[in-house]
Amino acid sequence: ESLEKIEEVLIKGKSKFFGGEKIG
């Protein structure tokens, strides 16, 4: 369930990383 929420954050960003196109 917690991973589902984290997946949603990544999908919203629509990028390679959570930090965008480079890791943050």
mmCIF file of all heavy atoms, coordinates in Angstrom:
data_MODEL
# 
_entry.id   MODEL 
# 
loop_
_atom_site.group_PDB 
_atom_site.id 
_atom_site.type_symbol 
_atom_site.label_atom_id 
_atom_site.label_alt_id 
_atom_site.label_comp_id 
_atom_site.label_asym_id 
_atom_site.label_entity_id 
_atom_site.label_seq_id 
_atom_site.pdbx_PDB_ins_code 
_atom_site.Cartn_x 
_atom_site.Cartn_y 
_atom_site.Cartn_z 
_atom_site.occupancy 
_atom_site.B_iso_or_equiv 
_atom_site.pdbx_formal_charge 
_atom_site.auth_seq_id 
_atom_site.auth_comp_id 
_atom_site.auth_asym_id 
_atom_site.auth_atom_id 
_atom_site.pdbx_PDB_model_num 
ATOM 1   N N   . GLU A 1 1  ? 0.820  -1.217 0.000   1.00 0.00 ? 1  GLU A N   1 
ATOM 2   C CA  . GLU A 1 1  ? 0.000  0.000  0.000   1.00 0.00 ? 1  GLU A CA  1 
ATOM 3   C C   . GLU A 1 1  ? 0.853  1.265  0.000   1.00 0.00 ? 1  GLU A C   1 
ATOM 4   O O   . GLU A 1 1  ? 0.538  2.234  -0.698  1.00 0.00 ? 1  GLU A O   1 
ATOM 5   C CB  . GLU A 1 1  ? -0.935 -0.008 1.220   1.00 0.00 ? 1  GLU A CB  1 
ATOM 6   C CG  . GLU A 1 1  ? -2.078 -0.993 1.098   1.00 0.00 ? 1  GLU A CG  1 
ATOM 7   C CD  . GLU A 1 1  ? -2.932 -1.061 2.354   1.00 0.00 ? 1  GLU A CD  1 
ATOM 8   O OE1 . GLU A 1 1  ? -2.558 -0.415 3.369   1.00 0.00 ? 1  GLU A OE1 1 
ATOM 9   O OE2 . GLU A 1 1  ? -3.966 -1.757 2.336   1.00 0.00 ? 1  GLU A OE2 1 
ATOM 10  N N   . SER A 1 2  ? 1.925  1.256  0.753   1.00 0.00 ? 2  SER A N   1 
ATOM 11  C CA  . SER A 1 2  ? 2.802  2.432  0.764   1.00 0.00 ? 2  SER A CA  1 
ATOM 12  C C   . SER A 1 2  ? 3.525  2.576  -0.568  1.00 0.00 ? 2  SER A C   1 
ATOM 13  O O   . SER A 1 2  ? 3.718  3.695  -1.060  1.00 0.00 ? 2  SER A O   1 
ATOM 14  C CB  . SER A 1 2  ? 3.806  2.348  1.920   1.00 0.00 ? 2  SER A CB  1 
ATOM 15  O OG  . SER A 1 2  ? 4.614  1.198  1.826   1.00 0.00 ? 2  SER A OG  1 
ATOM 16  N N   . LEU A 1 3  ? 3.895  1.449  -1.181  1.00 0.00 ? 3  LEU A N   1 
ATOM 17  C CA  . LEU A 1 3  ? 4.554  1.513  -2.486  1.00 0.00 ? 3  LEU A CA  1 
ATOM 18  C C   . LEU A 1 3  ? 3.597  2.036  -3.551  1.00 0.00 ? 3  LEU A C   1 
ATOM 19  O O   . LEU A 1 3  ? 4.016  2.737  -4.486  1.00 0.00 ? 3  LEU A O   1 
ATOM 20  C CB  . LEU A 1 3  ? 5.089  0.137  -2.873  1.00 0.00 ? 3  LEU A CB  1 
ATOM 21  C CG  . LEU A 1 3  ? 6.045  0.112  -4.078  1.00 0.00 ? 3  LEU A CG  1 
ATOM 22  C CD1 . LEU A 1 3  ? 7.311  0.914  -3.790  1.00 0.00 ? 3  LEU A CD1 1 
ATOM 23  C CD2 . LEU A 1 3  ? 6.407  -1.327 -4.448  1.00 0.00 ? 3  LEU A CD2 1 
ATOM 24  N N   . GLU A 1 4  ? 2.320  1.712  -3.420  1.00 0.00 ? 4  GLU A N   1 
ATOM 25  C CA  . GLU A 1 4  ? 1.319  2.237  -4.359  1.00 0.00 ? 4  GLU A CA  1 
ATOM 26  C C   . GLU A 1 4  ? 1.302  3.760  -4.331  1.00 0.00 ? 4  GLU A C   1 
ATOM 27  O O   . GLU A 1 4  ? 1.212  4.415  -5.383  1.00 0.00 ? 4  GLU A O   1 
ATOM 28  C CB  . GLU A 1 4  ? -0.070 1.690  -4.005  1.00 0.00 ? 4  GLU A CB  1 
ATOM 29  C CG  . GLU A 1 4  ? -0.268 0.227  -4.351  1.00 0.00 ? 4  GLU A CG  1 
ATOM 30  C CD  . GLU A 1 4  ? -1.591 -0.319 -3.829  1.00 0.00 ? 4  GLU A CD  1 
ATOM 31  O OE1 . GLU A 1 4  ? -2.245 0.381  -3.018  1.00 0.00 ? 4  GLU A OE1 1 
ATOM 32  O OE2 . GLU A 1 4  ? -1.959 -1.448 -4.218  1.00 0.00 ? 4  GLU A OE2 1 
ATOM 33  N N   . LYS A 1 5  ? 1.381  4.329  -3.146  1.00 0.00 ? 5  LYS A N   1 
ATOM 34  C CA  . LYS A 1 5  ? 1.380  5.790  -3.013  1.00 0.00 ? 5  LYS A CA  1 
ATOM 35  C C   . LYS A 1 5  ? 2.651  6.397  -3.620  1.00 0.00 ? 5  LYS A C   1 
ATOM 36  O O   . LYS A 1 5  ? 2.610  7.445  -4.263  1.00 0.00 ? 5  LYS A O   1 
ATOM 37  C CB  . LYS A 1 5  ? 1.263  6.181  -1.543  1.00 0.00 ? 5  LYS A CB  1 
ATOM 38  C CG  . LYS A 1 5  ? -0.001 5.674  -0.847  1.00 0.00 ? 5  LYS A CG  1 
ATOM 39  C CD  . LYS A 1 5  ? -1.257 6.189  -1.518  1.00 0.00 ? 5  LYS A CD  1 
ATOM 40  C CE  . LYS A 1 5  ? -2.500 5.726  -0.780  1.00 0.00 ? 5  LYS A CE  1 
ATOM 41  N NZ  . LYS A 1 5  ? -3.752 6.143  -1.479  1.00 0.00 ? 5  LYS A NZ  1 
ATOM 42  N N   . ILE A 1 6  ? 3.774  5.730  -3.390  1.00 0.00 ? 6  ILE A N   1 
ATOM 43  C CA  . ILE A 1 6  ? 5.035  6.217  -3.945  1.00 0.00 ? 6  ILE A CA  1 
ATOM 44  C C   . ILE A 1 6  ? 5.022  6.126  -5.479  1.00 0.00 ? 6  ILE A C   1 
ATOM 45  O O   . ILE A 1 6  ? 5.517  7.015  -6.168  1.00 0.00 ? 6  ILE A O   1 
ATOM 46  C CB  . ILE A 1 6  ? 6.213  5.424  -3.349  1.00 0.00 ? 6  ILE A CB  1 
ATOM 47  C CG1 . ILE A 1 6  ? 6.330  5.723  -1.843  1.00 0.00 ? 6  ILE A CG1 1 
ATOM 48  C CG2 . ILE A 1 6  ? 7.521  5.759  -4.052  1.00 0.00 ? 6  ILE A CG2 1 
ATOM 49  C CD1 . ILE A 1 6  ? 7.309  4.843  -1.111  1.00 0.00 ? 6  ILE A CD1 1 
ATOM 50  N N   . GLU A 1 7  ? 4.421  5.070  -6.000  1.00 0.00 ? 7  GLU A N   1 
ATOM 51  C CA  . GLU A 1 7  ? 4.285  4.919  -7.452  1.00 0.00 ? 7  GLU A CA  1 
ATOM 52  C C   . GLU A 1 7  ? 3.483  6.081  -8.038  1.00 0.00 ? 7  GLU A C   1 
ATOM 53  O O   . GLU A 1 7  ? 3.825  6.624  -9.098  1.00 0.00 ? 7  GLU A O   1 
ATOM 54  C CB  . GLU A 1 7  ? 3.592  3.586  -7.772  1.00 0.00 ? 7  GLU A CB  1 
ATOM 55  C CG  . GLU A 1 7  ? 3.156  3.408  -9.217  1.00 0.00 ? 7  GLU A CG  1 
ATOM 56  C CD  . GLU A 1 7  ? 4.177  2.761  -10.118 1.00 0.00 ? 7  GLU A CD  1 
ATOM 57  O OE1 . GLU A 1 7  ? 5.304  2.514  -9.660  1.00 0.00 ? 7  GLU A OE1 1 
ATOM 58  O OE2 . GLU A 1 7  ? 3.863  2.509  -11.291 1.00 0.00 ? 7  GLU A OE2 1 
ATOM 59  N N   . GLU A 1 8  ? 2.428  6.484  -7.339  1.00 0.00 ? 8  GLU A N   1 
ATOM 60  C CA  . GLU A 1 8  ? 1.598  7.597  -7.810  1.00 0.00 ? 8  GLU A CA  1 
ATOM 61  C C   . GLU A 1 8  ? 2.402  8.894  -7.904  1.00 0.00 ? 8  GLU A C   1 
ATOM 62  O O   . GLU A 1 8  ? 2.219  9.680  -8.836  1.00 0.00 ? 8  GLU A O   1 
ATOM 63  C CB  . GLU A 1 8  ? 0.403  7.785  -6.880  1.00 0.00 ? 8  GLU A CB  1 
ATOM 64  C CG  . GLU A 1 8  ? -0.618 6.660  -6.952  1.00 0.00 ? 8  GLU A CG  1 
ATOM 65  C CD  . GLU A 1 8  ? -1.708 6.806  -5.898  1.00 0.00 ? 8  GLU A CD  1 
ATOM 66  O OE1 . GLU A 1 8  ? -1.739 7.854  -5.209  1.00 0.00 ? 8  GLU A OE1 1 
ATOM 67  O OE2 . GLU A 1 8  ? -2.523 5.877  -5.760  1.00 0.00 ? 8  GLU A OE2 1 
ATOM 68  N N   . VAL A 1 9  ? 3.293  9.111  -6.948  1.00 0.00 ? 9  VAL A N   1 
ATOM 69  C CA  . VAL A 1 9  ? 4.136  10.313 -6.959  1.00 0.00 ? 9  VAL A CA  1 
ATOM 70  C C   . VAL A 1 9  ? 5.031  10.307 -8.182  1.00 0.00 ? 9  VAL A C   1 
ATOM 71  O O   . VAL A 1 9  ? 5.197  11.331 -8.866  1.00 0.00 ? 9  VAL A O   1 
ATOM 72  C CB  . VAL A 1 9  ? 4.995  10.397 -5.678  1.00 0.00 ? 9  VAL A CB  1 
ATOM 73  C CG1 . VAL A 1 9  ? 5.961  11.578 -5.752  1.00 0.00 ? 9  VAL A CG1 1 
ATOM 74  C CG2 . VAL A 1 9  ? 4.107  10.524 -4.451  1.00 0.00 ? 9  VAL A CG2 1 
ATOM 75  N N   . LEU A 1 10 ? 5.603  9.146  -8.493  1.00 0.00 ? 10 LEU A N   1 
ATOM 76  C CA  . LEU A 1 10 ? 6.498  9.045  -9.644  1.00 0.00 ? 10 LEU A CA  1 
ATOM 77  C C   . LEU A 1 10 ? 5.741  9.235  -10.949 1.00 0.00 ? 10 LEU A C   1 
ATOM 78  O O   . LEU A 1 10 ? 6.227  9.900  -11.871 1.00 0.00 ? 10 LEU A O   1 
ATOM 79  C CB  . LEU A 1 10 ? 7.195  7.682  -9.620  1.00 0.00 ? 10 LEU A CB  1 
ATOM 80  C CG  . LEU A 1 10 ? 8.342  7.467  -10.610 1.00 0.00 ? 10 LEU A CG  1 
ATOM 81  C CD1 . LEU A 1 10 ? 9.411  8.547  -10.453 1.00 0.00 ? 10 LEU A CD1 1 
ATOM 82  C CD2 . LEU A 1 10 ? 8.954  6.085  -10.411 1.00 0.00 ? 10 LEU A CD2 1 
ATOM 83  N N   . ILE A 1 11 ? 4.539  8.672  -11.026 1.00 0.00 ? 11 ILE A N   1 
ATOM 84  C CA  . ILE A 1 11 ? 3.721  8.818  -12.237 1.00 0.00 ? 11 ILE A CA  1 
ATOM 85  C C   . ILE A 1 11 ? 3.357  10.277 -12.480 1.00 0.00 ? 11 ILE A C   1 
ATOM 86  O O   . ILE A 1 11 ? 3.412  10.780 -13.613 1.00 0.00 ? 11 ILE A O   1 
ATOM 87  C CB  . ILE A 1 11 ? 2.443  7.953  -12.130 1.00 0.00 ? 11 ILE A CB  1 
ATOM 88  C CG1 . ILE A 1 11 ? 2.800  6.467  -12.186 1.00 0.00 ? 11 ILE A CG1 1 
ATOM 89  C CG2 . ILE A 1 11 ? 1.460  8.309  -13.244 1.00 0.00 ? 11 ILE A CG2 1 
ATOM 90  C CD1 . ILE A 1 11 ? 1.630  5.554  -11.918 1.00 0.00 ? 11 ILE A CD1 1 
ATOM 91  N N   . LYS A 1 12 ? 3.002  10.987 -11.399 1.00 0.00 ? 12 LYS A N   1 
ATOM 92  C CA  . LYS A 1 12 ? 2.634  12.405 -11.537 1.00 0.00 ? 12 LYS A CA  1 
ATOM 93  C C   . LYS A 1 12 ? 3.777  13.239 -12.099 1.00 0.00 ? 12 LYS A C   1 
ATOM 94  O O   . LYS A 1 12 ? 3.560  14.200 -12.832 1.00 0.00 ? 12 LYS A O   1 
ATOM 95  C CB  . LYS A 1 12 ? 2.202  12.964 -10.176 1.00 0.00 ? 12 LYS A CB  1 
ATOM 96  C CG  . LYS A 1 12 ? 0.841  12.475 -9.708  1.00 0.00 ? 12 LYS A CG  1 
ATOM 97  C CD  . LYS A 1 12 ? 0.498  13.041 -8.340  1.00 0.00 ? 12 LYS A CD  1 
ATOM 98  C CE  . LYS A 1 12 ? -0.841 12.499 -7.837  1.00 0.00 ? 12 LYS A CE  1 
ATOM 99  N NZ  . LYS A 1 12 ? -1.162 12.989 -6.463  1.00 0.00 ? 12 LYS A NZ  1 
ATOM 100 N N   . GLY A 1 13 ? 5.006  12.868 -11.723 1.00 0.00 ? 13 GLY A N   1 
ATOM 101 C CA  . GLY A 1 13 ? 6.158  13.618 -12.200 1.00 0.00 ? 13 GLY A CA  1 
ATOM 102 C C   . GLY A 1 13 ? 6.468  13.392 -13.669 1.00 0.00 ? 13 GLY A C   1 
ATOM 103 O O   . GLY A 1 13 ? 7.097  14.234 -14.319 1.00 0.00 ? 13 GLY A O   1 
ATOM 104 N N   . LYS A 1 14 ? 6.007  12.246 -14.198 1.00 0.00 ? 14 LYS A N   1 
ATOM 105 C CA  . LYS A 1 14 ? 6.201  11.893 -15.606 1.00 0.00 ? 14 LYS A CA  1 
ATOM 106 C C   . LYS A 1 14 ? 7.656  12.074 -16.047 1.00 0.00 ? 14 LYS A C   1 
ATOM 107 O O   . LYS A 1 14 ? 7.944  12.628 -17.102 1.00 0.00 ? 14 LYS A O   1 
ATOM 108 C CB  . LYS A 1 14 ? 5.283  12.736 -16.510 1.00 0.00 ? 14 LYS A CB  1 
ATOM 109 C CG  . LYS A 1 14 ? 3.800  12.538 -16.253 1.00 0.00 ? 14 LYS A CG  1 
ATOM 110 C CD  . LYS A 1 14 ? 2.950  13.410 -17.150 1.00 0.00 ? 14 LYS A CD  1 
ATOM 111 C CE  . LYS A 1 14 ? 1.476  13.218 -16.875 1.00 0.00 ? 14 LYS A CE  1 
ATOM 112 N NZ  . LYS A 1 14 ? 0.612  14.087 -17.717 1.00 0.00 ? 14 LYS A NZ  1 
ATOM 113 N N   . SER A 1 15 ? 8.574  11.616 -15.197 1.00 0.00 ? 15 SER A N   1 
ATOM 114 C CA  . SER A 1 15 ? 9.986  11.784 -15.513 1.00 0.00 ? 15 SER A CA  1 
ATOM 115 C C   . SER A 1 15 ? 10.762 10.531 -15.133 1.00 0.00 ? 15 SER A C   1 
ATOM 116 O O   . SER A 1 15 ? 10.228 9.602  -14.523 1.00 0.00 ? 15 SER A O   1 
ATOM 117 C CB  . SER A 1 15 ? 10.563 13.002 -14.785 1.00 0.00 ? 15 SER A CB  1 
ATOM 118 O OG  . SER A 1 15 ? 10.337 12.903 -13.396 1.00 0.00 ? 15 SER A OG  1 
ATOM 119 N N   . LYS A 1 16 ? 12.023 10.512 -15.480 1.00 0.00 ? 16 LYS A N   1 
ATOM 120 C CA  . LYS A 1 16 ? 12.887 9.355  -15.260 1.00 0.00 ? 16 LYS A CA  1 
ATOM 121 C C   . LYS A 1 16 ? 13.139 9.109  -13.774 1.00 0.00 ? 16 LYS A C   1 
ATOM 122 O O   . LYS A 1 16 ? 13.216 7.973  -13.315 1.00 0.00 ? 16 LYS A O   1 
ATOM 123 C CB  . LYS A 1 16 ? 14.208 9.583  -15.990 1.00 0.00 ? 16 LYS A CB  1 
ATOM 124 C CG  . LYS A 1 16 ? 15.144 8.400  -16.030 1.00 0.00 ? 16 LYS A CG  1 
ATOM 125 C CD  . LYS A 1 16 ? 16.357 8.737  -16.887 1.00 0.00 ? 16 LYS A CD  1 
ATOM 126 C CE  . LYS A 1 16 ? 17.309 7.551  -16.965 1.00 0.00 ? 16 LYS A CE  1 
ATOM 127 N NZ  . LYS A 1 16 ? 18.505 7.871  -17.793 1.00 0.00 ? 16 LYS A NZ  1 
ATOM 128 N N   . PHE A 1 17 ? 13.260 10.208 -13.033 1.00 0.00 ? 17 PHE A N   1 
ATOM 129 C CA  . PHE A 1 17 ? 13.530 10.138 -11.597 1.00 0.00 ? 17 PHE A CA  1 
ATOM 130 C C   . PHE A 1 17 ? 12.506 10.982 -10.842 1.00 0.00 ? 17 PHE A C   1 
ATOM 131 O O   . PHE A 1 17 ? 11.818 11.809 -11.431 1.00 0.00 ? 17 PHE A O   1 
ATOM 132 C CB  . PHE A 1 17 ? 14.942 10.642 -11.286 1.00 0.00 ? 17 PHE A CB  1 
ATOM 133 C CG  . PHE A 1 17 ? 16.049 9.865  -11.948 1.00 0.00 ? 17 PHE A CG  1 
ATOM 134 C CD1 . PHE A 1 17 ? 16.749 10.394 -13.012 1.00 0.00 ? 17 PHE A CD1 1 
ATOM 135 C CD2 . PHE A 1 17 ? 16.381 8.593  -11.496 1.00 0.00 ? 17 PHE A CD2 1 
ATOM 136 C CE1 . PHE A 1 17 ? 17.765 9.680  -13.626 1.00 0.00 ? 17 PHE A CE1 1 
ATOM 137 C CE2 . PHE A 1 17 ? 17.400 7.872  -12.095 1.00 0.00 ? 17 PHE A CE2 1 
ATOM 138 C CZ  . PHE A 1 17 ? 18.092 8.415  -13.166 1.00 0.00 ? 17 PHE A CZ  1 
ATOM 139 N N   . PHE A 1 18 ? 12.448 10.810 -9.531  1.00 0.00 ? 18 PHE A N   1 
ATOM 140 C CA  . PHE A 1 18 ? 11.606 11.676 -8.713  1.00 0.00 ? 18 PHE A CA  1 
ATOM 141 C C   . PHE A 1 18 ? 12.080 13.124 -8.826  1.00 0.00 ? 18 PHE A C   1 
ATOM 142 O O   . PHE A 1 18 ? 11.292 14.051 -8.724  1.00 0.00 ? 18 PHE A O   1 
ATOM 143 C CB  . PHE A 1 18 ? 11.654 11.237 -7.242  1.00 0.00 ? 18 PHE A CB  1 
ATOM 144 C CG  . PHE A 1 18 ? 10.916 9.965  -6.960  1.00 0.00 ? 18 PHE A CG  1 
ATOM 145 C CD1 . PHE A 1 18 ? 11.601 8.758  -6.858  1.00 0.00 ? 18 PHE A CD1 1 
ATOM 146 C CD2 . PHE A 1 18 ? 9.539  9.957  -6.795  1.00 0.00 ? 18 PHE A CD2 1 
ATOM 147 C CE1 . PHE A 1 18 ? 10.932 7.577  -6.589  1.00 0.00 ? 18 PHE A CE1 1 
ATOM 148 C CE2 . PHE A 1 18 ? 8.862  8.780  -6.528  1.00 0.00 ? 18 PHE A CE2 1 
ATOM 149 C CZ  . PHE A 1 18 ? 9.558  7.585  -6.426  1.00 0.00 ? 18 PHE A CZ  1 
ATOM 150 N N   . GLY A 1 19 ? 13.388 13.294 -9.019  1.00 0.00 ? 19 GLY A N   1 
ATOM 151 C CA  . GLY A 1 19 ? 13.958 14.628 -9.138  1.00 0.00 ? 19 GLY A CA  1 
ATOM 152 C C   . GLY A 1 19 ? 13.893 15.207 -10.542 1.00 0.00 ? 19 GLY A C   1 
ATOM 153 O O   . GLY A 1 19 ? 14.478 16.256 -10.800 1.00 0.00 ? 19 GLY A O   1 
ATOM 154 N N   . GLY A 1 20 ? 13.200 14.533 -11.461 1.00 0.00 ? 20 GLY A N   1 
ATOM 155 C CA  . GLY A 1 20 ? 13.115 15.001 -12.846 1.00 0.00 ? 20 GLY A CA  1 
ATOM 156 C C   . GLY A 1 20 ? 13.972 14.132 -13.748 1.00 0.00 ? 20 GLY A C   1 
ATOM 157 O O   . GLY A 1 20 ? 13.927 12.910 -13.670 1.00 0.00 ? 20 GLY A O   1 
ATOM 158 N N   . GLU A 1 21 ? 14.786 14.758 -14.576 1.00 0.00 ? 21 GLU A N   1 
ATOM 159 C CA  . GLU A 1 21 ? 15.656 13.996 -15.467 1.00 0.00 ? 21 GLU A CA  1 
ATOM 160 C C   . GLU A 1 21 ? 16.996 13.683 -14.824 1.00 0.00 ? 21 GLU A C   1 
ATOM 161 O O   . GLU A 1 21 ? 17.839 13.020 -15.423 1.00 0.00 ? 21 GLU A O   1 
ATOM 162 C CB  . GLU A 1 21 ? 15.855 14.764 -16.785 1.00 0.00 ? 21 GLU A CB  1 
ATOM 163 C CG  . GLU A 1 21 ? 14.595 14.840 -17.620 1.00 0.00 ? 21 GLU A CG  1 
ATOM 164 C CD  . GLU A 1 21 ? 13.965 13.463 -17.864 1.00 0.00 ? 21 GLU A CD  1 
ATOM 165 O OE1 . GLU A 1 21 ? 14.674 12.557 -18.352 1.00 0.00 ? 21 GLU A OE1 1 
ATOM 166 O OE2 . GLU A 1 21 ? 12.768 13.286 -17.548 1.00 0.00 ? 21 GLU A OE2 1 
ATOM 167 N N   . LYS A 1 22 ? 17.220 14.195 -13.611 1.00 0.00 ? 22 LYS A N   1 
ATOM 168 C CA  . LYS A 1 22 ? 18.424 13.823 -12.862 1.00 0.00 ? 22 LYS A CA  1 
ATOM 169 C C   . LYS A 1 22 ? 18.020 13.497 -11.429 1.00 0.00 ? 22 LYS A C   1 
ATOM 170 O O   . LYS A 1 22 ? 17.000 13.976 -10.942 1.00 0.00 ? 22 LYS A O   1 
ATOM 171 C CB  . LYS A 1 22 ? 19.463 14.956 -12.890 1.00 0.00 ? 22 LYS A CB  1 
ATOM 172 C CG  . LYS A 1 22 ? 19.002 16.250 -12.237 1.00 0.00 ? 22 LYS A CG  1 
ATOM 173 C CD  . LYS A 1 22 ? 20.125 17.291 -12.302 1.00 0.00 ? 22 LYS A CD  1 
ATOM 174 C CE  . LYS A 1 22 ? 19.732 18.550 -11.522 1.00 0.00 ? 22 LYS A CE  1 
ATOM 175 N NZ  . LYS A 1 22 ? 20.830 19.548 -11.531 1.00 0.00 ? 22 LYS A NZ  1 
ATOM 176 N N   . ILE A 1 23 ? 18.813 12.690 -10.770 1.00 0.00 ? 23 ILE A N   1 
ATOM 177 C CA  . ILE A 1 23 ? 18.408 12.244 -9.438  1.00 0.00 ? 23 ILE A CA  1 
ATOM 178 C C   . ILE A 1 23 ? 18.506 13.376 -8.423  1.00 0.00 ? 23 ILE A C   1 
ATOM 179 O O   . ILE A 1 23 ? 19.378 14.239 -8.509  1.00 0.00 ? 23 ILE A O   1 
ATOM 180 C CB  . ILE A 1 23 ? 19.208 11.008 -8.966  1.00 0.00 ? 23 ILE A CB  1 
ATOM 181 C CG1 . ILE A 1 23 ? 20.691 11.326 -8.778  1.00 0.00 ? 23 ILE A CG1 1 
ATOM 182 C CG2 . ILE A 1 23 ? 19.056 9.864  -9.930  1.00 0.00 ? 23 ILE A CG2 1 
ATOM 183 C CD1 . ILE A 1 23 ? 21.454 10.164 -8.194  1.00 0.00 ? 23 ILE A CD1 1 
ATOM 184 N N   . GLY A 1 24 ? 17.577 13.349 -7.477  1.00 0.00 ? 24 GLY A N   1 
ATOM 185 C CA  . GLY A 1 24 ? 17.534 14.369 -6.444  1.00 0.00 ? 24 GLY A CA  1 
ATOM 186 C C   . GLY A 1 24 ? 17.332 13.750 -5.074  1.00 0.00 ? 24 GLY A C   1 
ATOM 187 O O   . GLY A 1 24 ? 17.565 12.549 -4.868  1.00 0.00 ? 24 GLY A O   1 
# 
